[in-house]
Amino acid sequence: MEEVLKILLVDDEPEARELLKYMLLGNNGVSVIGVASNVDEAVKLMQKERPHLVLLDIQMPEKDGFHFIKQVQLSGENPGIIFVTAYEHYAIQAIRNSVFDYIMKPVHQEELDSAIERFRKIGSKIQEQDLHKLVEALQGNGLPKIKLNTRSGYILIDPSEVVYCQADGNYTHIQLSRGNREVTTQNLGAIEEILEGSSFFRASRSYLLNLKYLSRVDRKSCSCVLEYPGTSYSVKIPSQKIKMLESAFSR
C-alpha cells in the first residue's frame, strides 16, 4: 500500500487554497496537513508537520515562493515542491530546467493529479544540491524582484537597484540607482526582512543601506557615503554600527 502523501498548500489567495483542497479531496493517497497564506506561516507549518510535498504559489505579496525555497534551504528540511503560478514568465524557464515541477493557474484536475503522480515516481525528497542549483538559476535570471505596496497599488523592484531605504514612520522611502525615489506603505523593518540575505546593512533605525553602493566611511564623523550614477549621498550612523560595518568587510 502506498504511503499517504502529506501535502502543505501555500497561496495568499483564500479561493485558490480552497480550490486546491477541494481538488485533492478525491485523491485517497494524499492528506492536506496544513494551509498557509504567506511564507512565514508556511515555514512554521513545514517545520511542525514535516510534509512530503508543498504546493507553492510563486506570486505572493512581500515574500514570494522563491523566498520560501531559500528558507527550505536554510532549514535542513527537504519536502518535494510543486510550484503553482498564473504567469508564464522568466522564472518558469529556470524551474523547467530543474528537477522541480510546476502547474499553471487556473489549475485543472488532471494536471494536478498528473503532477502528484510524477512526484510519486521521481521520489519523495529533494536533494540539497538540486535546491541550490535552482536558487542559483533563479538569481542568474535576475530573481527575485521584490513586490512592495504603495498607496495606489504596488511596485516591482530589482534589489540590486536599491541604493538605500529611509524610514518615515510606517512608510519607507526607497532610493533607486536610476535616480527615482519610491514610497512604500511598509515600514523599514518589513523591508529589511524582505531583503534579508542580500547585500543590505541596517545602519540605524532610519536607514538600510546597500553595501554595493558604499564608497567611503568616516570614523570621526560617524558617517558613510553612498555613490550611484551622478550622485553621492552621506548618511550619519551610530559609532557601534561603524565598527560592525568594518567587520563586514574584514571577513
Protein backbone atom coordinates (compact mmCIF):
# COMPACT_ATOMS: atom_id res chain seq x y z
CA MET A 1 0.00 0.00 0.00
CA GLU A 2 1.35 3.43 -0.97
CA GLU A 3 2.23 5.88 1.78
CA VAL A 4 -0.27 8.73 2.13
CA LEU A 5 1.39 11.93 0.95
CA LYS A 6 1.24 14.77 3.46
CA ILE A 7 0.72 17.99 1.49
CA LEU A 8 1.13 21.62 2.56
CA LEU A 9 -0.68 24.28 0.50
CA VAL A 10 0.86 27.76 0.28
CA ASP A 11 -1.08 30.52 -1.50
CA ASP A 12 -2.02 34.05 -0.47
CA GLU A 13 -5.46 33.80 -2.13
CA PRO A 14 -8.14 32.07 0.02
CA GLU A 15 -10.11 30.96 -3.05
CA ALA A 16 -7.01 29.29 -4.54
CA ARG A 17 -6.28 27.44 -1.29
CA GLU A 18 -9.86 26.20 -1.01
CA LEU A 19 -9.92 25.10 -4.65
CA LEU A 20 -6.74 23.04 -4.22
CA LYS A 21 -8.10 21.47 -1.04
CA TYR A 22 -11.32 20.54 -2.84
CA MET A 23 -9.45 19.10 -5.83
CA LEU A 24 -7.30 16.96 -3.53
CA LEU A 25 -10.30 15.53 -1.62
CA GLY A 26 -10.88 12.93 -4.32
CA ASN A 27 -7.34 11.56 -4.03
CA ASN A 28 -7.22 8.94 -1.27
CA GLY A 29 -3.44 8.86 -1.49
CA VAL A 30 -2.94 12.38 -0.13
CA SER A 31 -3.71 14.32 3.03
CA VAL A 32 -3.66 18.12 3.31
CA ILE A 33 -1.90 18.69 6.64
CA GLY A 34 -1.96 22.48 6.52
CA VAL A 35 -2.58 25.65 4.52
CA ALA A 36 -0.59 28.88 4.69
CA SER A 37 -1.26 32.32 3.27
CA ASN A 38 2.34 33.57 3.42
CA VAL A 39 5.94 32.40 3.64
CA ASP A 40 6.33 32.83 7.40
CA GLU A 41 3.25 30.69 8.10
CA ALA A 42 4.46 28.12 5.58
CA VAL A 43 7.89 27.77 7.19
CA LYS A 44 6.36 27.22 10.65
CA LEU A 45 3.93 24.61 9.32
CA MET A 46 6.69 22.86 7.37
CA GLN A 47 8.84 22.54 10.48
CA LYS A 48 5.90 21.35 12.60
CA GLU A 49 4.11 18.98 10.20
CA ARG A 50 7.04 17.75 8.04
CA PRO A 51 5.05 17.49 4.77
CA HIS A 52 6.20 15.23 1.96
CA LEU A 53 5.10 17.76 -0.65
CA VAL A 54 4.46 21.53 -0.82
CA LEU A 55 2.17 23.07 -3.45
CA LEU A 56 3.71 26.53 -3.55
CA ASP A 57 2.33 29.69 -5.13
CA ILE A 58 5.07 31.78 -6.75
CA GLN A 59 3.41 35.20 -6.74
CA MET A 60 2.72 36.35 -3.17
CA PRO A 61 2.99 39.82 -1.60
CA GLU A 62 6.13 40.80 0.31
CA LYS A 63 7.82 37.37 0.29
CA ASP A 64 7.23 35.21 -2.77
CA GLY A 65 7.65 31.49 -3.39
CA PHE A 66 11.37 31.84 -4.01
CA HIS A 67 11.85 33.32 -0.54
CA PHE A 68 10.24 30.13 0.76
CA ILE A 69 12.66 27.83 -1.03
CA LYS A 70 15.56 29.83 0.38
CA GLN A 71 14.12 29.19 3.85
CA VAL A 72 13.80 25.49 3.00
CA GLN A 73 17.46 25.53 2.02
CA LEU A 74 18.43 27.04 5.38
CA SER A 75 16.12 24.86 7.48
CA GLY A 76 17.50 21.45 6.58
CA GLU A 77 14.01 20.22 5.70
CA ASN A 78 13.57 18.51 2.32
CA PRO A 79 9.96 18.36 1.15
CA GLY A 80 9.11 17.98 -2.51
CA ILE A 81 7.95 21.20 -4.16
CA ILE A 82 5.47 21.77 -6.97
CA PHE A 83 5.24 25.42 -7.98
CA VAL A 84 1.83 26.88 -8.83
CA THR A 85 1.77 30.06 -10.91
CA ALA A 86 -0.54 32.19 -13.01
CA TYR A 87 2.33 33.70 -15.00
CA GLU A 88 4.37 32.13 -17.79
CA HIS A 89 7.37 34.39 -17.18
CA TYR A 90 11.15 34.12 -16.97
CA ALA A 91 11.10 32.16 -13.69
CA ILE A 92 9.33 29.26 -15.34
CA GLN A 93 12.31 28.53 -17.59
CA ALA A 94 14.55 28.06 -14.56
CA ILE A 95 12.01 25.71 -12.97
CA ARG A 96 11.50 23.81 -16.23
CA ASN A 97 15.25 23.15 -16.41
CA SER A 98 15.38 21.82 -12.83
CA VAL A 99 14.10 18.69 -11.13
CA PHE A 100 11.10 20.62 -9.82
CA ASP A 101 7.61 20.56 -11.28
CA TYR A 102 5.08 23.33 -11.78
CA ILE A 103 1.38 23.78 -12.58
CA MET A 104 -0.11 26.77 -14.36
CA LYS A 105 -3.14 28.58 -12.95
CA PRO A 106 -6.06 28.12 -13.35
CA VAL A 107 -5.30 24.63 -12.06
CA HIS A 108 -7.07 21.74 -13.81
CA GLN A 109 -7.82 18.50 -12.00
CA GLU A 110 -5.97 16.28 -14.47
CA GLU A 111 -2.85 18.47 -14.36
CA LEU A 112 -2.83 18.42 -10.56
CA ASP A 113 -3.28 14.64 -10.47
CA SER A 114 -0.52 14.16 -13.06
CA ALA A 115 1.91 16.36 -11.14
CA ILE A 116 1.32 14.41 -7.92
CA GLU A 117 1.76 11.11 -9.77
CA ARG A 118 5.03 12.35 -11.31
CA PHE A 119 6.18 13.32 -7.84
CA ARG A 120 5.49 9.80 -6.55
CA LYS A 121 7.51 8.28 -9.38
CA ILE A 122 10.60 10.51 -9.25
CA GLY A 123 10.98 10.30 -5.48
CA SER A 124 9.58 11.95 -2.42
CA LYS A 125 12.54 14.09 -1.39
CA ILE A 126 14.50 16.89 -2.99
CA GLN A 127 18.26 16.94 -2.80
CA GLU A 128 20.14 19.89 -1.32
CA GLN A 129 22.20 20.31 -4.48
CA ASP A 130 19.03 20.40 -6.61
CA LEU A 131 17.62 23.22 -4.48
CA HIS A 132 20.93 25.06 -4.57
CA LYS A 133 21.05 24.81 -8.38
CA LEU A 134 17.51 26.15 -8.68
CA VAL A 135 18.25 29.11 -6.38
CA GLU A 136 21.36 29.90 -8.43
CA ALA A 137 19.44 29.64 -11.69
CA LEU A 138 16.73 31.96 -10.43
CA GLN A 139 19.26 34.50 -9.19
CA GLY A 140 21.01 34.27 -12.55
CA ASN A 141 17.74 35.31 -14.18
CA GLY A 142 17.57 38.44 -12.03
CA LEU A 143 15.26 36.97 -9.43
CA PRO A 144 13.79 37.72 -7.14
CA LYS A 145 12.28 41.09 -7.82
CA ILE A 146 10.53 42.33 -4.72
CA LYS A 147 6.93 43.45 -4.60
CA LEU A 148 6.29 46.50 -2.39
CA ASN A 149 2.95 48.04 -1.56
CA THR A 150 2.25 51.69 -2.42
CA ARG A 151 -0.67 54.00 -1.69
CA SER A 152 -2.25 53.14 -5.03
CA GLY A 153 -1.11 49.53 -5.62
CA TYR A 154 2.37 48.03 -5.71
CA ILE A 155 5.74 48.29 -7.44
CA LEU A 156 8.24 45.61 -8.51
CA ILE A 157 11.87 46.45 -7.78
CA ASP A 158 15.18 44.75 -8.51
CA PRO A 159 17.03 44.72 -5.13
CA SER A 160 20.33 45.45 -6.88
CA GLU A 161 18.95 48.85 -7.92
CA VAL A 162 18.09 49.88 -4.34
CA VAL A 163 20.73 52.30 -3.03
CA TYR A 164 19.20 52.87 0.40
CA CYS A 165 15.88 52.74 2.25
CA GLN A 166 14.89 55.51 4.65
CA ALA A 167 12.24 55.16 7.35
CA ASP A 168 9.37 57.62 7.55
CA GLY A 169 7.05 56.33 10.27
CA ASN A 170 5.07 53.43 8.82
CA TYR A 171 6.30 54.35 5.33
CA THR A 172 9.69 53.80 3.68
CA HIS A 173 11.39 55.94 1.03
CA ILE A 174 13.43 53.85 -1.42
CA GLN A 175 16.18 55.48 -3.44
CA LEU A 176 16.96 53.69 -6.71
CA SER A 177 20.20 53.86 -8.66
CA ARG A 178 18.35 55.21 -11.70
CA GLY A 179 17.64 58.36 -9.68
CA ASN A 180 13.95 57.87 -8.97
CA ARG A 181 12.61 57.59 -5.44
CA GLU A 182 9.65 55.43 -4.45
CA VAL A 183 7.48 55.44 -1.34
CA THR A 184 6.13 52.18 0.05
CA THR A 185 3.45 51.73 2.71
CA GLN A 186 5.62 49.15 4.53
CA ASN A 187 7.88 50.10 7.42
CA LEU A 188 11.65 49.72 7.33
CA GLY A 189 11.61 46.56 9.45
CA ALA A 190 9.36 44.83 6.92
CA ILE A 191 11.59 45.95 4.04
CA GLU A 192 14.66 44.63 5.89
CA GLU A 193 13.00 41.20 6.21
CA ILE A 194 12.16 41.13 2.51
CA LEU A 195 15.77 41.99 1.58
CA GLU A 196 17.25 39.53 4.08
CA GLY A 197 20.24 37.65 2.69
CA SER A 198 21.10 40.38 0.17
CA SER A 199 23.94 42.90 0.46
CA PHE A 200 22.00 45.22 2.78
CA PHE A 201 23.14 46.61 6.10
CA ARG A 202 20.86 48.11 8.79
CA ALA A 203 22.87 51.22 9.57
CA SER A 204 20.42 52.76 12.04
CA ARG A 205 16.76 52.86 12.98
CA SER A 206 16.22 55.09 9.95
CA TYR A 207 18.46 53.62 7.24
CA LEU A 208 19.00 50.36 5.40
CA LEU A 209 21.99 50.62 3.06
CA ASN A 210 23.01 48.60 0.01
CA LEU A 211 26.73 47.96 0.53
CA LYS A 212 27.13 47.66 -3.22
CA TYR A 213 27.00 51.48 -3.36
CA LEU A 214 29.15 52.20 -0.29
CA SER A 215 32.26 54.18 -1.23
CA ARG A 216 33.58 55.84 1.94
CA VAL A 217 33.33 55.51 5.74
CA ASP A 218 34.45 58.27 8.13
CA ARG A 219 35.05 57.09 11.70
CA LYS A 220 35.43 60.64 13.11
CA SER A 221 32.14 61.98 11.81
CA CYS A 222 30.40 58.57 12.10
CA SER A 223 29.16 58.80 8.55
CA CYS A 224 29.39 56.91 5.28
CA VAL A 225 28.96 57.86 1.64
CA LEU A 226 26.94 56.03 -0.98
CA GLU A 227 27.62 56.72 -4.63
CA TYR A 228 25.39 55.96 -7.60
CA PRO A 229 25.30 57.43 -11.12
CA GLY A 230 25.68 61.20 -10.90
CA THR A 231 25.08 61.37 -7.15
CA SER A 232 26.70 60.82 -3.77
CA TYR A 233 24.72 60.64 -0.51
CA SER A 234 26.06 60.90 3.05
CA VAL A 235 24.43 59.05 5.94
CA LYS A 236 25.11 59.51 9.67
CA ILE A 237 25.26 56.23 11.57
CA PRO A 238 25.98 55.28 15.22
CA SER A 239 29.61 54.57 16.19
CA GLN A 240 28.88 50.92 17.04
CA LYS A 241 27.45 50.45 13.57
CA ILE A 242 30.67 51.84 12.10
CA LYS A 243 32.54 49.01 13.84
CA MET A 244 30.01 46.43 12.61
CA LEU A 245 30.35 47.79 9.10
CA GLU A 246 34.13 47.45 9.24
CA SER A 247 33.76 43.84 10.43
CA ALA A 248 31.54 43.09 7.47
CA PHE A 249 34.40 44.00 5.11
CA SER A 250 37.03 42.16 7.15
CA ARG A 251 35.64 38.66 6.63
